[in-house]
Amino acid sequence: MTGALAALEEATEQWQRQLDLDARIARTRADVPLLDAEAGRTGDRFAIGNAQAAREYLAGLERERAGLGDAVARYERAAADREAEFVGGGGPVATRLTAIAHERGRAQALLRELHEALDAGRRAEALLSQAREQLEMIWRLSSADSSLISSPLIDLDKYTRVAPANELLLQVNAALADLGREVADTGMHASFAPLPPLEISGAAKAFDILNTIGVETHVSLRASRAVTTVHHCRDAVRTVLAELDRRRAATEAQSHALAAERHDLLR
């Protein structure tokens, strides 16, 4: 066994230990609050003891985990040293290792682009949800106004919401444009037409305040259409997010498979 192979075996063992510790730490962290709550609720000495034991066990796991340091980085260094032995000697294994390195590089680059697109999509989705909420409130107030439940307070509330809603729609449009660019970087295509602002003329507003039922209904319909437009756009963004996430999962699986194949070849 060469020195590089021995170092790889040791680094692999430490990495596996780190993964095991991470999983146990996550489970124990989830258990501790539940045990603490049970101890606080019952005051039972066994429940209190169990909670204390869980905290001590968690502390021990975290100390061991900290002692391992960055096992992933050590593994990558050891794997690179072992890989250099094969590549320097040539042959089929060296050829395949070189191909795997290129494939993993492409997969990692795509994963970065997919994560950036997913982040952009989530920002757009959140802004669309906020815009729909604001526009729905304007629509509800307009509907109440057109149902003879009008009052100056309703009109004041309604029209003070229009400018913030339109400002939010501007933010939505910027987020949608950013999403389109990020999606294009992944090799996919997605385009979103800019969402129009909720436009209510000064005359319509004046007649609305005078409780002209026809105008109030007109304002309500405009707000309802705006809500529908935002709703459909959010559905479209969610469809894109689902496809991005599917591709992310497939690319991660490919990357893991390549890493496993590389590890087998290095041993």
Protein backbone atom coordinates (compact mmCIF):
# COMPACT_ATOMS: atom_id res chain seq x y z
CA MET A 1 0.00 0.00 0.00
CA THR A 2 1.44 3.36 -1.03
CA GLY A 3 1.59 6.32 1.33
CA ALA A 4 -1.02 8.16 -0.72
CA LEU A 5 -3.42 5.18 -0.51
CA ALA A 6 -2.89 4.86 3.24
CA ALA A 7 -3.59 8.58 3.67
CA LEU A 8 -6.73 8.21 1.55
CA GLU A 9 -8.01 5.31 3.65
CA GLU A 10 -7.46 7.29 6.86
CA ALA A 11 -9.10 10.40 5.44
CA THR A 12 -12.06 8.34 4.23
CA GLU A 13 -12.56 6.87 7.69
CA GLN A 14 -12.48 10.34 9.28
CA TRP A 15 -14.94 11.69 6.71
CA GLN A 16 -17.35 8.83 7.34
CA ARG A 17 -17.04 9.46 11.07
CA GLN A 18 -17.82 13.14 10.49
CA LEU A 19 -20.93 12.28 8.50
CA ASP A 20 -22.10 9.94 11.26
CA LEU A 21 -21.51 12.60 13.91
CA ASP A 22 -23.35 15.23 11.89
CA ALA A 23 -26.39 12.95 11.61
CA ARG A 24 -26.38 12.10 15.33
CA ILE A 25 -25.92 15.75 16.29
CA ALA A 26 -28.89 16.77 14.12
CA ARG A 27 -31.13 14.10 15.67
CA THR A 28 -30.09 14.99 19.22
CA ARG A 29 -30.55 18.72 18.64
CA ALA A 30 -34.11 17.98 17.56
CA ASP A 31 -34.70 15.79 20.63
CA VAL A 32 -33.34 18.15 23.30
CA PRO A 33 -36.11 20.81 23.12
CA LEU A 34 -38.76 18.08 23.26
CA LEU A 35 -37.14 16.49 26.32
CA ASP A 36 -36.75 19.90 27.98
CA ALA A 37 -40.42 20.66 27.32
CA GLU A 38 -41.47 17.31 28.81
CA ALA A 39 -39.30 17.93 31.88
CA GLY A 40 -40.75 21.40 32.32
CA ARG A 41 -44.31 20.19 31.84
CA THR A 42 -44.17 17.24 34.24
CA GLY A 43 -41.40 18.16 36.65
CA ASP A 44 -40.69 14.42 36.82
CA ARG A 45 -37.14 13.66 37.95
CA PHE A 46 -36.70 10.99 35.29
CA ALA A 47 -37.81 13.42 32.59
CA ILE A 48 -35.43 16.04 33.97
CA GLY A 49 -32.63 13.47 34.02
CA ASN A 50 -33.33 12.43 30.45
CA ALA A 51 -33.20 16.05 29.29
CA GLN A 52 -29.92 16.63 31.11
CA ALA A 53 -28.43 13.42 29.71
CA ALA A 54 -29.42 14.43 26.19
CA ARG A 55 -27.74 17.83 26.57
CA GLU A 56 -24.57 16.18 27.87
CA TYR A 57 -24.61 13.64 25.06
CA LEU A 58 -25.02 16.45 22.51
CA ALA A 59 -22.12 18.37 24.04
CA GLY A 60 -19.93 15.28 23.78
CA LEU A 61 -20.85 14.75 20.13
CA GLU A 62 -20.12 18.39 19.33
CA ARG A 63 -16.71 18.20 21.02
CA GLU A 64 -15.81 15.11 19.01
CA ARG A 65 -17.07 16.75 15.82
CA ALA A 66 -14.96 19.86 16.50
CA GLY A 67 -11.92 17.67 17.12
CA LEU A 68 -12.20 16.18 13.64
CA GLY A 69 -11.79 19.56 11.98
CA ASP A 70 -12.44 19.70 8.25
CA ALA A 71 -12.46 16.03 7.33
CA VAL A 72 -13.85 16.80 3.87
CA ALA A 73 -10.88 19.00 2.98
CA ARG A 74 -8.45 16.32 4.23
CA TYR A 75 -10.21 13.72 2.11
CA GLU A 76 -10.01 15.92 -0.99
CA ARG A 77 -6.29 16.50 -0.47
CA ALA A 78 -5.64 12.78 0.04
CA ALA A 79 -7.77 11.89 -3.01
CA ALA A 80 -5.91 14.42 -5.14
CA ASP A 81 -2.55 12.96 -4.09
CA ARG A 82 -3.73 9.43 -4.87
CA GLU A 83 -5.22 10.58 -8.18
CA ALA A 84 -1.89 12.14 -9.14
CA GLU A 85 -0.25 8.73 -8.80
CA PHE A 86 -2.65 7.20 -11.33
CA VAL A 87 -2.69 10.09 -13.77
CA GLY A 88 1.10 10.28 -13.78
CA GLY A 89 1.31 6.59 -14.68
CA GLY A 90 -1.18 6.74 -17.56
CA GLY A 91 -3.48 3.87 -18.55
CA PRO A 92 -7.25 3.31 -18.62
CA VAL A 93 -7.77 4.31 -14.97
CA ALA A 94 -5.92 7.57 -15.51
CA THR A 95 -8.03 8.27 -18.60
CA ARG A 96 -11.26 7.65 -16.73
CA LEU A 97 -10.16 9.72 -13.74
CA THR A 98 -9.40 12.63 -16.05
CA ALA A 99 -12.83 12.29 -17.67
CA ILE A 100 -14.52 12.15 -14.25
CA ALA A 101 -12.70 15.34 -13.21
CA HIS A 102 -14.09 17.16 -16.27
CA GLU A 103 -17.60 15.78 -15.74
CA ARG A 104 -17.59 16.71 -12.05
CA GLY A 105 -16.38 20.20 -12.92
CA ARG A 106 -19.25 20.68 -15.36
CA ALA A 107 -21.74 19.30 -12.83
CA GLN A 108 -20.50 21.59 -10.07
CA ALA A 109 -20.63 24.62 -12.38
CA LEU A 110 -24.20 23.74 -13.36
CA LEU A 111 -25.15 23.27 -9.71
CA ARG A 112 -23.92 26.78 -8.91
CA GLU A 113 -26.04 28.20 -11.71
CA LEU A 114 -29.07 26.16 -10.63
CA HIS A 115 -28.77 27.33 -7.04
CA GLU A 116 -28.50 30.95 -8.19
CA ALA A 117 -31.59 30.52 -10.37
CA LEU A 118 -33.48 28.86 -7.51
CA ASP A 119 -32.59 31.76 -5.20
CA ALA A 120 -33.78 34.25 -7.83
CA GLY A 121 -37.00 32.28 -8.31
CA ARG A 122 -37.73 32.20 -4.61
CA ARG A 123 -37.21 35.96 -4.37
CA ALA A 124 -39.62 36.50 -7.27
CA GLU A 125 -42.16 34.10 -5.77
CA ALA A 126 -42.04 35.87 -2.40
CA LEU A 127 -42.51 39.29 -4.00
CA LEU A 128 -45.40 37.98 -6.11
CA SER A 129 -47.08 36.63 -2.99
CA GLN A 130 -46.71 40.02 -1.30
CA ALA A 131 -48.07 41.80 -4.39
CA ARG A 132 -51.04 39.47 -4.58
CA GLU A 133 -51.81 40.09 -0.90
CA GLN A 134 -51.75 43.87 -1.37
CA LEU A 135 -53.82 43.77 -4.56
CA GLU A 136 -56.35 41.42 -2.97
CA MET A 137 -56.83 43.91 -0.15
CA ILE A 138 -57.46 46.71 -2.67
CA TRP A 139 -59.91 44.44 -4.48
CA ARG A 140 -61.75 43.57 -1.24
CA LEU A 141 -62.02 47.22 -0.31
CA SER A 142 -63.28 48.06 -3.80
CA SER A 143 -65.81 45.22 -3.63
CA ALA A 144 -67.06 46.46 -0.27
CA ASP A 145 -67.26 49.97 -1.73
CA SER A 146 -69.38 48.74 -4.64
CA SER A 147 -71.67 46.83 -2.26
CA LEU A 148 -73.01 50.00 -0.62
CA ILE A 149 -70.79 49.52 2.44
CA SER A 150 -68.84 52.58 1.45
CA SER A 151 -67.25 55.08 3.78
CA PRO A 152 -64.54 57.73 3.49
CA LEU A 153 -62.30 55.50 5.59
CA ILE A 154 -62.61 52.65 3.09
CA ASP A 155 -61.74 54.99 0.22
CA LEU A 156 -58.78 56.40 2.13
CA ASP A 157 -57.51 52.93 3.01
CA LYS A 158 -57.96 51.72 -0.57
CA TYR A 159 -56.12 54.52 -2.31
CA THR A 160 -53.25 54.69 0.16
CA ARG A 161 -52.52 51.07 -0.81
CA VAL A 162 -52.30 51.65 -4.56
CA ALA A 163 -48.89 53.38 -4.67
CA PRO A 164 -47.16 50.78 -2.42
CA ALA A 165 -48.71 47.98 -4.49
CA ASN A 166 -47.41 49.52 -7.72
CA GLU A 167 -43.97 50.00 -6.18
CA LEU A 168 -44.01 46.34 -5.23
CA LEU A 169 -44.96 45.41 -8.80
CA LEU A 170 -41.86 47.28 -10.00
CA GLN A 171 -39.78 45.14 -7.65
CA VAL A 172 -41.55 42.05 -8.97
CA ASN A 173 -40.68 42.98 -12.56
CA ALA A 174 -37.03 43.48 -11.65
CA ALA A 175 -37.00 40.10 -9.88
CA LEU A 176 -38.66 38.40 -12.86
CA ALA A 177 -36.05 39.87 -15.23
CA ASP A 178 -33.29 38.65 -12.91
CA LEU A 179 -34.90 35.20 -12.79
CA GLY A 180 -35.00 35.05 -16.60
CA ARG A 181 -31.27 35.81 -16.78
CA GLU A 182 -30.38 33.27 -14.10
CA VAL A 183 -32.51 30.58 -15.74
CA ALA A 184 -30.80 31.22 -19.09
CA ASP A 185 -27.43 30.59 -17.41
CA THR A 186 -28.60 27.05 -16.59
CA GLY A 187 -29.42 26.26 -20.23
CA MET A 188 -33.16 26.55 -19.68
CA HIS A 189 -35.43 29.27 -21.03
CA ALA A 190 -38.06 31.23 -19.15
CA SER A 191 -39.42 34.68 -19.94
CA PHE A 192 -41.98 36.72 -18.04
CA ALA A 193 -43.86 39.70 -19.40
CA PRO A 194 -43.63 42.74 -17.08
CA LEU A 195 -46.67 43.07 -14.85
CA PRO A 196 -48.60 46.30 -15.49
CA PRO A 197 -49.29 48.67 -12.60
CA LEU A 198 -52.76 49.07 -11.16
CA GLU A 199 -53.82 52.26 -12.92
CA ILE A 200 -56.77 54.27 -11.64
CA SER A 201 -57.33 57.66 -13.21
CA GLY A 202 -57.78 60.77 -11.17
CA ALA A 203 -61.32 61.14 -12.51
CA ALA A 204 -62.23 57.59 -11.53
CA LYS A 205 -60.79 58.16 -8.10
CA ALA A 206 -62.77 61.39 -7.67
CA PHE A 207 -66.05 59.78 -8.74
CA ASP A 208 -65.29 56.75 -6.56
CA ILE A 209 -64.90 58.96 -3.51
CA LEU A 210 -68.29 60.45 -4.38
CA ASN A 211 -69.62 56.88 -4.07
CA THR A 212 -70.53 56.48 -7.72
CA ILE A 213 -71.39 52.79 -7.84
CA GLY A 214 -70.46 52.26 -11.49
CA VAL A 215 -66.99 53.69 -10.92
CA GLU A 216 -66.51 51.66 -7.75
CA THR A 217 -67.35 48.51 -9.71
CA HIS A 218 -64.88 49.58 -12.42
CA VAL A 219 -62.10 49.96 -9.81
CA SER A 220 -63.00 46.59 -8.28
CA LEU A 221 -62.73 44.88 -11.68
CA ARG A 222 -59.31 46.44 -12.33
CA ALA A 223 -58.05 45.23 -8.97
CA SER A 224 -59.52 41.75 -9.58
CA ARG A 225 -57.76 41.49 -12.94
CA ALA A 226 -54.48 42.56 -11.36
CA VAL A 227 -54.85 39.85 -8.71
CA THR A 228 -55.50 37.23 -11.41
CA THR A 229 -52.48 38.36 -13.45
CA VAL A 230 -50.19 38.15 -10.43
CA HIS A 231 -51.64 34.76 -9.49
CA HIS A 232 -50.94 33.31 -12.96
CA CYS A 233 -47.43 34.77 -12.95
CA ARG A 234 -46.71 33.21 -9.56
CA ASP A 235 -47.91 29.84 -10.86
CA ALA A 236 -45.54 30.20 -13.82
CA VAL A 237 -42.63 30.99 -11.50
CA ARG A 238 -43.47 27.97 -9.36
CA THR A 239 -43.45 25.76 -12.47
CA VAL A 240 -39.98 27.05 -13.34
CA LEU A 241 -38.83 26.50 -9.74
CA ALA A 242 -40.07 22.90 -9.82
CA GLU A 243 -38.10 22.20 -13.02
CA LEU A 244 -34.99 23.90 -11.63
CA ASP A 245 -35.25 21.83 -8.48
CA ARG A 246 -35.70 18.64 -10.51
CA ARG A 247 -32.55 19.43 -12.48
CA ARG A 248 -30.70 20.32 -9.28
CA ALA A 249 -31.56 16.93 -7.77
CA ALA A 250 -30.54 15.10 -10.96
CA THR A 251 -27.25 17.01 -11.18
CA GLU A 252 -26.46 16.37 -7.53
CA ALA A 253 -27.15 12.65 -8.04
CA GLN A 254 -24.83 12.66 -11.06
CA SER A 255 -22.13 14.45 -9.06
CA HIS A 256 -22.43 11.96 -6.19
CA ALA A 257 -22.22 9.03 -8.61
CA LEU A 258 -19.10 10.45 -10.21
CA ALA A 259 -17.51 11.03 -6.81
CA ALA A 260 -18.28 7.44 -5.81
CA GLU A 261 -16.81 6.09 -9.05
CA ARG A 262 -13.69 8.19 -8.54
CA HIS A 263 -13.32 6.93 -4.97
CA ASP A 264 -13.58 3.31 -6.12
CA LEU A 265 -10.95 3.85 -8.81
CA LEU A 266 -8.56 5.44 -6.32
CA ARG A 267 -8.62 2.49 -3.92
